[in-house]
């Protein structure tokens, strides 16, 4: 669930996650109060958690599978929690605790997404919102191992082909072709997960009353920092069906809401 692992042009270093998420939520008429209980799901180093804190959201917490956090101060430790490996996929927070759960470039690392979505639903308050942005299954260059279309095509022969052509991520630069294939096969099995769209849709709609796909709002929010968004923004505004192509081949943005009363 480490959000720091991704290498993508979609969110450049100067992209502000607080502003991005606020823009997407505002597109649906939602405003998050500074007193809201917020969870940075897949917090990684804690960069986005601290960004929320600096923006005045004092009730921000971070969660990840492992402790990657770069604390500003030891007193910040209680703000972060991590996966208990003996309680698989259980998020260590109380029922009905959060008003908002957010993540960016995290969900493609969640292997058991069905269970994780159920846990997010559990920790959200009635009426609570959750927003997750992550790369699409058919993105032409998978943003972790850089093998073309390897979100969808993960057979050994395909991975071997691109390793033989010299495709490497930054951790594989000194690896032989055989070593690269072995690493990529393992990573595809244990480090990334790209369900098909109908599977994503079914998982979220089983647990949430309201599910929306907010890619258009994401494009609008990232036009100033993403070359891709700059390119596709006028296209999706004028060409019917082009937004579906963007969703299919680049980025998903899922926005879901809990029922306002307990089921």
C-alpha atoms as a PDB file:
ATOM      1  CA  UNK A   1       0.000   0.000   0.000  1.00  0.00           C
ATOM      2  CA  UNK A   2       3.021   2.279  -0.209  1.00  0.00           C
ATOM      3  CA  UNK A   3       2.081   5.338  -2.255  1.00  0.00           C
ATOM      4  CA  UNK A   4       5.724   6.350  -2.634  1.00  0.00           C
ATOM      5  CA  UNK A   5       6.462   3.448  -4.977  1.00  0.00           C
ATOM      6  CA  UNK A   6       4.820   4.880  -8.080  1.00  0.00           C
ATOM      7  CA  UNK A   7       6.723   6.629 -10.837  1.00  0.00           C
ATOM      8  CA  UNK A   8       4.233   8.495 -13.040  1.00  0.00           C
ATOM      9  CA  UNK A   9       3.819  11.735 -14.942  1.00  0.00           C
ATOM     10  CA  UNK A  10       0.330  12.091 -13.530  1.00  0.00           C
ATOM     11  CA  UNK A  11       1.281  13.713 -10.247  1.00  0.00           C
ATOM     12  CA  UNK A  12       4.377  15.868 -10.433  1.00  0.00           C
ATOM     13  CA  UNK A  13       6.322  16.977  -7.359  1.00  0.00           C
ATOM     14  CA  UNK A  14       4.488  20.302  -7.145  1.00  0.00           C
ATOM     15  CA  UNK A  15       1.003  18.745  -7.214  1.00  0.00           C
ATOM     16  CA  UNK A  16      -0.765  19.464  -3.945  1.00  0.00           C
ATOM     17  CA  UNK A  17      -2.866  16.515  -2.893  1.00  0.00           C
ATOM     18  CA  UNK A  18      -5.062  18.533  -0.530  1.00  0.00           C
ATOM     19  CA  UNK A  19      -6.029  20.901  -3.339  1.00  0.00           C
ATOM     20  CA  UNK A  20      -6.447  18.032  -5.802  1.00  0.00           C
ATOM     21  CA  UNK A  21      -8.786  16.100  -3.537  1.00  0.00           C
ATOM     22  CA  UNK A  22     -10.704  19.253  -2.589  1.00  0.00           C
ATOM     23  CA  UNK A  23     -11.216  20.071  -6.278  1.00  0.00           C
ATOM     24  CA  UNK A  24     -12.576  16.604  -7.049  1.00  0.00           C
ATOM     25  CA  UNK A  25     -14.883  16.632  -4.031  1.00  0.00           C
ATOM     26  CA  UNK A  26     -16.084  20.163  -4.839  1.00  0.00           C
ATOM     27  CA  UNK A  27     -17.037  18.955  -8.317  1.00  0.00           C
ATOM     28  CA  UNK A  28     -19.616  16.790  -6.548  1.00  0.00           C
ATOM     29  CA  UNK A  29     -20.761  19.517  -4.167  1.00  0.00           C
ATOM     30  CA  UNK A  30     -18.734  18.197  -1.231  1.00  0.00           C
ATOM     31  CA  UNK A  31     -16.654  20.353   1.128  1.00  0.00           C
ATOM     32  CA  UNK A  32     -14.562  18.828   3.898  1.00  0.00           C
ATOM     33  CA  UNK A  33     -14.384  20.828   7.118  1.00  0.00           C
ATOM     34  CA  UNK A  34     -11.003  21.420   8.760  1.00  0.00           C
ATOM     35  CA  UNK A  35     -12.263  19.511  11.813  1.00  0.00           C
ATOM     36  CA  UNK A  36     -12.995  16.376   9.750  1.00  0.00           C
ATOM     37  CA  UNK A  37     -11.454  13.028  10.652  1.00  0.00           C
ATOM     38  CA  UNK A  38      -9.366  12.077   7.585  1.00  0.00           C
ATOM     39  CA  UNK A  39      -7.299   8.976   6.806  1.00  0.00           C
ATOM     40  CA  UNK A  40      -4.399   9.040   4.348  1.00  0.00           C
ATOM     41  CA  UNK A  41      -4.638   5.411   3.189  1.00  0.00           C
ATOM     42  CA  UNK A  42      -1.274   4.091   1.996  1.00  0.00           C
ATOM     43  CA  UNK A  43       0.534   7.047   3.515  1.00  0.00           C
ATOM     44  CA  UNK A  44       4.065   5.966   2.540  1.00  0.00           C
ATOM     45  CA  UNK A  45       6.601   8.465   3.866  1.00  0.00           C
ATOM     46  CA  UNK A  46       3.781  10.569   5.333  1.00  0.00           C
ATOM     47  CA  UNK A  47       4.191  13.352   2.779  1.00  0.00           C
ATOM     48  CA  UNK A  48       0.485  13.706   2.059  1.00  0.00           C
ATOM     49  CA  UNK A  49      -0.441  13.277   5.718  1.00  0.00           C
ATOM     50  CA  UNK A  50       1.796  16.189   6.611  1.00  0.00           C
ATOM     51  CA  UNK A  51       0.415  18.202   3.718  1.00  0.00           C
ATOM     52  CA  UNK A  52      -3.074  17.847   5.187  1.00  0.00           C
ATOM     53  CA  UNK A  53      -1.717  18.744   8.620  1.00  0.00           C
ATOM     54  CA  UNK A  54      -0.006  21.859   7.250  1.00  0.00           C
ATOM     55  CA  UNK A  55      -3.270  22.856   5.546  1.00  0.00           C
ATOM     56  CA  UNK A  56      -4.997  22.942   8.941  1.00  0.00           C
ATOM     57  CA  UNK A  57      -6.569  19.489   9.081  1.00  0.00           C
ATOM     58  CA  UNK A  58      -5.531  18.550  12.605  1.00  0.00           C
ATOM     59  CA  UNK A  59      -7.421  15.244  12.635  1.00  0.00           C
ATOM     60  CA  UNK A  60      -5.471  13.634   9.797  1.00  0.00           C
ATOM     61  CA  UNK A  61      -4.098  10.116  10.320  1.00  0.00           C
ATOM     62  CA  UNK A  62      -1.892   7.938   8.132  1.00  0.00           C
ATOM     63  CA  UNK A  63      -1.998   4.204   7.499  1.00  0.00           C
ATOM     64  CA  UNK A  64       0.202   1.857   5.482  1.00  0.00           C
ATOM     65  CA  UNK A  65       1.101  -1.809   5.267  1.00  0.00           C
ATOM     66  CA  UNK A  66       4.577  -1.099   6.679  1.00  0.00           C
ATOM     67  CA  UNK A  67       6.302   1.755   8.417  1.00  0.00           C
ATOM     68  CA  UNK A  68       7.861   3.954   5.744  1.00  0.00           C
ATOM     69  CA  UNK A  69       7.095   7.184   7.588  1.00  0.00           C
ATOM     70  CA  UNK A  70       9.680   9.941   7.803  1.00  0.00           C
ATOM     71  CA  UNK A  71       8.596  11.604  11.029  1.00  0.00           C
ATOM     72  CA  UNK A  72       9.108  15.321  11.422  1.00  0.00           C
ATOM     73  CA  UNK A  73       9.028  14.843  15.179  1.00  0.00           C
ATOM     74  CA  UNK A  74       8.804  11.763  17.438  1.00  0.00           C
ATOM     75  CA  UNK A  75       5.594  13.170  18.885  1.00  0.00           C
ATOM     76  CA  UNK A  76       3.919  12.540  15.517  1.00  0.00           C
ATOM     77  CA  UNK A  77       4.188   8.759  15.923  1.00  0.00           C
ATOM     78  CA  UNK A  78       0.601   8.260  17.267  1.00  0.00           C
ATOM     79  CA  UNK A  79      -0.750   9.847  14.084  1.00  0.00           C
ATOM     80  CA  UNK A  80       0.403   6.810  12.037  1.00  0.00           C
ATOM     81  CA  UNK A  81      -0.674   3.194  12.186  1.00  0.00           C
ATOM     82  CA  UNK A  82       0.370   0.110  10.255  1.00  0.00           C
ATOM     83  CA  UNK A  83      -0.978  -3.249   9.209  1.00  0.00           C
ATOM     84  CA  UNK A  84      -1.004  -6.010  11.787  1.00  0.00           C
ATOM     85  CA  UNK A  85       0.107  -9.018   9.760  1.00  0.00           C
ATOM     86  CA  UNK A  86      -1.812 -11.311  12.121  1.00  0.00           C
ATOM     87  CA  UNK A  87      -5.044  -9.504  11.183  1.00  0.00           C
ATOM     88  CA  UNK A  88      -4.830  -9.626   7.413  1.00  0.00           C
ATOM     89  CA  UNK A  89      -6.106  -6.474   5.717  1.00  0.00           C
ATOM     90  CA  UNK A  90      -7.726  -5.162   8.908  1.00  0.00           C
ATOM     91  CA  UNK A  91      -7.280  -1.379   9.087  1.00  0.00           C
ATOM     92  CA  UNK A  92      -6.427  -0.615  12.756  1.00  0.00           C
ATOM     93  CA  UNK A  93      -9.081   2.027  13.426  1.00  0.00           C
ATOM     94  CA  UNK A  94     -12.531   1.947  15.011  1.00  0.00           C
ATOM     95  CA  UNK A  95     -15.823   1.522  13.203  1.00  0.00           C
ATOM     96  CA  UNK A  96     -17.416   4.772  11.988  1.00  0.00           C
ATOM     97  CA  UNK A  97     -14.303   6.822  12.759  1.00  0.00           C
ATOM     98  CA  UNK A  98     -13.545   8.828   9.590  1.00  0.00           C
ATOM     99  CA  UNK A  99     -15.328  11.433   7.520  1.00  0.00           C
ATOM    100  CA  UNK A 100     -12.961  10.964   4.577  1.00  0.00           C
ATOM    101  CA  UNK A 101     -10.501   8.279   3.442  1.00  0.00           C
ATOM    102  CA  UNK A 102      -8.202   9.176   0.532  1.00  0.00           C
ATOM    103  CA  UNK A 103      -5.357   7.648  -1.446  1.00  0.00           C
ATOM    104  CA  UNK A 104      -3.303   8.457  -4.525  1.00  0.00           C
ATOM    105  CA  UNK A 105      -1.492   5.753  -6.519  1.00  0.00           C
ATOM    106  CA  UNK A 106      -2.068   3.173  -3.805  1.00  0.00           C
ATOM    107  CA  UNK A 107      -4.937   0.901  -4.785  1.00  0.00           C
ATOM    108  CA  UNK A 108      -2.961  -0.801  -7.553  1.00  0.00           C
ATOM    109  CA  UNK A 109      -0.797  -2.232  -4.739  1.00  0.00           C
ATOM    110  CA  UNK A 110      -3.740  -3.697  -2.802  1.00  0.00           C
ATOM    111  CA  UNK A 111      -3.929  -7.384  -3.636  1.00  0.00           C
ATOM    112  CA  UNK A 112      -7.176  -8.190  -1.795  1.00  0.00           C
ATOM    113  CA  UNK A 113      -9.201  -5.184  -2.871  1.00  0.00           C
ATOM    114  CA  UNK A 114     -12.559  -6.686  -1.902  1.00  0.00           C
ATOM    115  CA  UNK A 115     -11.502  -7.012   1.747  1.00  0.00           C
ATOM    116  CA  UNK A 116      -9.847  -3.601   1.773  1.00  0.00           C
ATOM    117  CA  UNK A 117     -12.938  -1.868   0.387  1.00  0.00           C
ATOM    118  CA  UNK A 118     -14.965  -3.591   3.094  1.00  0.00           C
ATOM    119  CA  UNK A 119     -12.556  -2.280   5.737  1.00  0.00           C
ATOM    120  CA  UNK A 120     -12.740   1.261   4.347  1.00  0.00           C
ATOM    121  CA  UNK A 121     -16.527   1.052   4.499  1.00  0.00           C
ATOM    122  CA  UNK A 122     -16.300  -0.116   8.106  1.00  0.00           C
ATOM    123  CA  UNK A 123     -14.166   2.767   9.351  1.00  0.00           C
ATOM    124  CA  UNK A 124     -16.176   5.470   7.583  1.00  0.00           C
ATOM    125  CA  UNK A 125     -18.917   7.333   9.405  1.00  0.00           C
ATOM    126  CA  UNK A 126     -22.458   7.272   7.997  1.00  0.00           C
ATOM    127  CA  UNK A 127     -22.336   9.621   5.027  1.00  0.00           C
ATOM    128  CA  UNK A 128     -18.531   9.464   4.951  1.00  0.00           C
ATOM    129  CA  UNK A 129     -16.638   9.777   1.663  1.00  0.00           C
ATOM    130  CA  UNK A 130     -13.693   7.913   0.174  1.00  0.00           C
ATOM    131  CA  UNK A 131     -11.630   8.956  -2.856  1.00  0.00           C
ATOM    132  CA  UNK A 132      -8.980   6.852  -4.590  1.00  0.00           C
ATOM    133  CA  UNK A 133      -6.926   7.680  -7.701  1.00  0.00           C
ATOM    134  CA  UNK A 134      -4.870   4.914  -9.309  1.00  0.00           C
ATOM    135  CA  UNK A 135      -3.512   3.843 -12.721  1.00  0.00           C
ATOM    136  CA  UNK A 136      -5.695   1.892 -15.111  1.00  0.00           C
ATOM    137  CA  UNK A 137      -5.227  -1.757 -16.037  1.00  0.00           C
ATOM    138  CA  UNK A 138      -4.461  -0.962 -19.687  1.00  0.00           C
ATOM    139  CA  UNK A 139      -2.108   1.973 -19.182  1.00  0.00           C
ATOM    140  CA  UNK A 140       0.413   1.668 -22.053  1.00  0.00           C
ATOM    141  CA  UNK A 141       3.408   1.838 -19.692  1.00  0.00           C
ATOM    142  CA  UNK A 142       2.816   0.216 -16.312  1.00  0.00           C
ATOM    143  CA  UNK A 143       4.248   2.819 -13.888  1.00  0.00           C
ATOM    144  CA  UNK A 144       6.237   0.475 -11.618  1.00  0.00           C
ATOM    145  CA  UNK A 145       8.059  -2.041 -13.782  1.00  0.00           C
ATOM    146  CA  UNK A 146       7.680   0.012 -17.003  1.00  0.00           C
ATOM    147  CA  UNK A 147       6.724  -3.031 -19.084  1.00  0.00           C
ATOM    148  CA  UNK A 148       4.112  -2.038 -21.694  1.00  0.00           C
ATOM    149  CA  UNK A 149       0.553  -3.135 -20.815  1.00  0.00           C
ATOM    150  CA  UNK A 150       1.761  -5.258 -17.907  1.00  0.00           C
ATOM    151  CA  UNK A 151      -1.186  -4.200 -15.792  1.00  0.00           C
ATOM    152  CA  UNK A 152      -3.141  -6.595 -17.992  1.00  0.00           C
ATOM    153  CA  UNK A 153      -0.520  -8.869 -19.609  1.00  0.00           C
ATOM    154  CA  UNK A 154       1.666 -10.526 -16.994  1.00  0.00           C
ATOM    155  CA  UNK A 155       2.662 -13.778 -18.652  1.00  0.00           C
ATOM    156  CA  UNK A 156       6.313 -14.753 -18.374  1.00  0.00           C
ATOM    157  CA  UNK A 157       6.924 -14.626 -22.133  1.00  0.00           C
ATOM    158  CA  UNK A 158       5.675 -11.036 -22.285  1.00  0.00           C
ATOM    159  CA  UNK A 159       7.849  -9.971 -19.377  1.00  0.00           C
ATOM    160  CA  UNK A 160      10.802 -11.838 -20.889  1.00  0.00           C
ATOM    161  CA  UNK A 161      10.339 -10.044 -24.226  1.00  0.00           C
ATOM    162  CA  UNK A 162      10.631  -6.592 -22.688  1.00  0.00           C
ATOM    163  CA  UNK A 163      13.437  -7.549 -20.334  1.00  0.00           C
ATOM    164  CA  UNK A 164      15.346  -8.768 -23.372  1.00  0.00           C
ATOM    165  CA  UNK A 165      14.722  -5.417 -25.050  1.00  0.00           C
ATOM    166  CA  UNK A 166      16.323  -3.686 -22.079  1.00  0.00           C
ATOM    167  CA  UNK A 167      13.266  -2.380 -20.212  1.00  0.00           C
ATOM    168  CA  UNK A 168      14.160  -1.812 -16.541  1.00  0.00           C
ATOM    169  CA  UNK A 169      12.931   0.252 -13.623  1.00  0.00           C
ATOM    170  CA  UNK A 170      15.420   2.087 -11.443  1.00  0.00           C
ATOM    171  CA  UNK A 171      15.869  -0.914  -9.144  1.00  0.00           C
ATOM    172  CA  UNK A 172      16.748  -3.241 -12.023  1.00  0.00           C
ATOM    173  CA  UNK A 173      19.413  -1.295 -13.894  1.00  0.00           C
ATOM    174  CA  UNK A 174      22.174  -3.732 -12.977  1.00  0.00           C
ATOM    175  CA  UNK A 175      20.038  -6.853 -13.389  1.00  0.00           C
ATOM    176  CA  UNK A 176      20.409  -9.406 -16.154  1.00  0.00           C
ATOM    177  CA  UNK A 177      17.425 -10.144 -18.355  1.00  0.00           C
ATOM    178  CA  UNK A 178      16.733 -13.350 -16.404  1.00  0.00           C
ATOM    179  CA  UNK A 179      16.943 -11.556 -13.052  1.00  0.00           C
ATOM    180  CA  UNK A 180      14.608  -8.832 -14.291  1.00  0.00           C
ATOM    181  CA  UNK A 181      12.026 -11.371 -15.450  1.00  0.00           C
ATOM    182  CA  UNK A 182      12.142 -13.167 -12.098  1.00  0.00           C
ATOM    183  CA  UNK A 183      11.681  -9.924 -10.198  1.00  0.00           C
ATOM    184  CA  UNK A 184       8.833  -8.772 -12.437  1.00  0.00           C
ATOM    185  CA  UNK A 185       6.987 -12.081 -12.235  1.00  0.00           C
ATOM    186  CA  UNK A 186       7.125 -11.898  -8.430  1.00  0.00           C
ATOM    187  CA  UNK A 187       6.135  -8.236  -8.339  1.00  0.00           C
ATOM    188  CA  UNK A 188       3.158  -8.801 -10.633  1.00  0.00           C
ATOM    189  CA  UNK A 189       1.979 -11.585  -8.295  1.00  0.00           C
ATOM    190  CA  UNK A 190       2.554  -9.842  -4.965  1.00  0.00           C
ATOM    191  CA  UNK A 191       3.019  -6.115  -5.541  1.00  0.00           C
ATOM    192  CA  UNK A 192       0.374  -4.930  -7.997  1.00  0.00           C
ATOM    193  CA  UNK A 193      -3.248  -5.749  -8.781  1.00  0.00           C
ATOM    194  CA  UNK A 194      -5.281  -4.435 -11.694  1.00  0.00           C
ATOM    195  CA  UNK A 195      -8.859  -5.763 -11.675  1.00  0.00           C
ATOM    196  CA  UNK A 196     -11.016  -5.302 -14.756  1.00  0.00           C
ATOM    197  CA  UNK A 197     -13.420  -2.378 -14.688  1.00  0.00           C
ATOM    198  CA  UNK A 198     -16.528  -4.481 -14.076  1.00  0.00           C
ATOM    199  CA  UNK A 199     -14.753  -6.086 -11.109  1.00  0.00           C
ATOM    200  CA  UNK A 200     -13.831  -2.675  -9.691  1.00  0.00           C
ATOM    201  CA  UNK A 201     -17.391  -1.460 -10.178  1.00  0.00           C
ATOM    202  CA  UNK A 202     -18.918  -4.495  -8.501  1.00  0.00           C
ATOM    203  CA  UNK A 203     -16.566  -4.396  -5.495  1.00  0.00           C
ATOM    204  CA  UNK A 204     -17.279  -0.752  -4.731  1.00  0.00           C
ATOM    205  CA  UNK A 205     -21.018  -0.941  -5.360  1.00  0.00           C
ATOM    206  CA  UNK A 206     -21.383  -3.938  -3.065  1.00  0.00           C
ATOM    207  CA  UNK A 207     -20.235  -1.816  -0.126  1.00  0.00           C
ATOM    208  CA  UNK A 208     -21.269   1.756  -0.961  1.00  0.00           C
ATOM    209  CA  UNK A 209     -24.544   3.512  -1.637  1.00  0.00           C
ATOM    210  CA  UNK A 210     -23.042   6.041  -4.023  1.00  0.00           C
ATOM    211  CA  UNK A 211     -20.151   5.333  -6.392  1.00  0.00           C
ATOM    212  CA  UNK A 212     -18.924   7.813  -8.988  1.00  0.00           C
ATOM    213  CA  UNK A 213     -15.987   7.865 -11.391  1.00  0.00           C
ATOM    214  CA  UNK A 214     -14.308  11.238 -11.067  1.00  0.00           C
ATOM    215  CA  UNK A 215     -11.703  11.133 -13.839  1.00  0.00           C
ATOM    216  CA  UNK A 216     -12.992  14.316 -15.480  1.00  0.00           C
ATOM    217  CA  UNK A 217     -12.593  16.230 -12.216  1.00  0.00           C
ATOM    218  CA  UNK A 218      -9.124  14.700 -11.805  1.00  0.00           C
ATOM    219  CA  UNK A 219      -8.095  15.892 -15.271  1.00  0.00           C
ATOM    220  CA  UNK A 220      -9.350  19.406 -14.517  1.00  0.00           C
ATOM    221  CA  UNK A 221      -7.486  19.472 -11.195  1.00  0.00           C
ATOM    222  CA  UNK A 222      -4.149  18.367 -12.666  1.00  0.00           C
ATOM    223  CA  UNK A 223      -3.966  20.378 -15.891  1.00  0.00           C
ATOM    224  CA  UNK A 224      -1.290  22.690 -14.472  1.00  0.00           C
ATOM    225  CA  UNK A 225       1.063  19.880 -13.429  1.00  0.00           C
ATOM    226  CA  UNK A 226       0.363  16.961 -15.752  1.00  0.00           C
ATOM    227  CA  UNK A 227       1.305  16.914 -19.418  1.00  0.00           C
ATOM    228  CA  UNK A 228      -1.227  14.138 -19.990  1.00  0.00           C
ATOM    229  CA  UNK A 229      -4.036  16.175 -18.423  1.00  0.00           C
ATOM    230  CA  UNK A 230      -3.076  19.204 -20.483  1.00  0.00           C
ATOM    231  CA  UNK A 231      -3.300  17.080 -23.607  1.00  0.00           C
ATOM    232  CA  UNK A 232      -6.533  15.231 -22.905  1.00  0.00           C
ATOM    233  CA  UNK A 233      -8.529  18.049 -21.267  1.00  0.00           C
ATOM    234  CA  UNK A 234      -9.724  19.648 -24.532  1.00  0.00           C
ATOM    235  CA  UNK A 235     -10.219  16.207 -26.076  1.00  0.00           C
ATOM    236  CA  UNK A 236     -12.560  14.891 -23.379  1.00  0.00           C
ATOM    237  CA  UNK A 237     -14.474  18.172 -23.571  1.00  0.00           C
ATOM    238  CA  UNK A 238     -15.217  17.817 -27.282  1.00  0.00           C
ATOM    239  CA  UNK A 239     -14.983  14.178 -28.409  1.00  0.00           C
ATOM    240  CA  UNK A 240     -17.692  11.792 -27.211  1.00  0.00           C
ATOM    241  CA  UNK A 241     -16.305   8.631 -25.658  1.00  0.00           C
ATOM    242  CA  UNK A 242     -12.791   9.982 -25.138  1.00  0.00           C
ATOM    243  CA  UNK A 243     -13.218  10.125 -21.350  1.00  0.00           C
ATOM    244  CA  UNK A 244     -13.979   6.404 -21.346  1.00  0.00           C
ATOM    245  CA  UNK A 245     -10.766   5.819 -23.299  1.00  0.00           C
ATOM    246  CA  UNK A 246      -8.823   7.828 -20.701  1.00  0.00           C
ATOM    247  CA  UNK A 247     -10.366   5.735 -17.937  1.00  0.00           C
ATOM    248  CA  UNK A 248      -9.570   2.542 -19.791  1.00  0.00           C
ATOM    249  CA  UNK A 249      -5.956   3.377 -20.648  1.00  0.00           C
ATOM    250  CA  UNK A 250      -4.676   5.838 -18.067  1.00  0.00           C
ATOM    251  CA  UNK A 251      -6.281   6.655 -14.701  1.00  0.00           C
ATOM    252  CA  UNK A 252      -9.197   5.688 -12.501  1.00  0.00           C
ATOM    253  CA  UNK A 253     -10.654   7.961  -9.838  1.00  0.00           C
ATOM    254  CA  UNK A 254     -13.249   6.295  -7.598  1.00  0.00           C
ATOM    255  CA  UNK A 255     -15.407   8.403  -5.295  1.00  0.00           C
ATOM    256  CA  UNK A 256     -17.762   6.535  -2.967  1.00  0.00           C
ATOM    257  CA  UNK A 257     -20.062   7.474  -0.101  1.00  0.00           C
ATOM    258  CA  UNK A 258     -21.428   5.557   2.848  1.00  0.00           C
ATOM    259  CA  UNK A 259     -25.194   5.578   3.494  1.00  0.00           C
ATOM    260  CA  UNK A 260     -26.108   8.443   5.806  1.00  0.00           C
ATOM    261  CA  UNK A 261     -27.753   6.048   8.234  1.00  0.00           C
ATOM    262  CA  UNK A 262     -26.489   2.654   9.354  1.00  0.00           C
ATOM    263  CA  UNK A 263     -27.774  -0.272   7.298  1.00  0.00           C
END
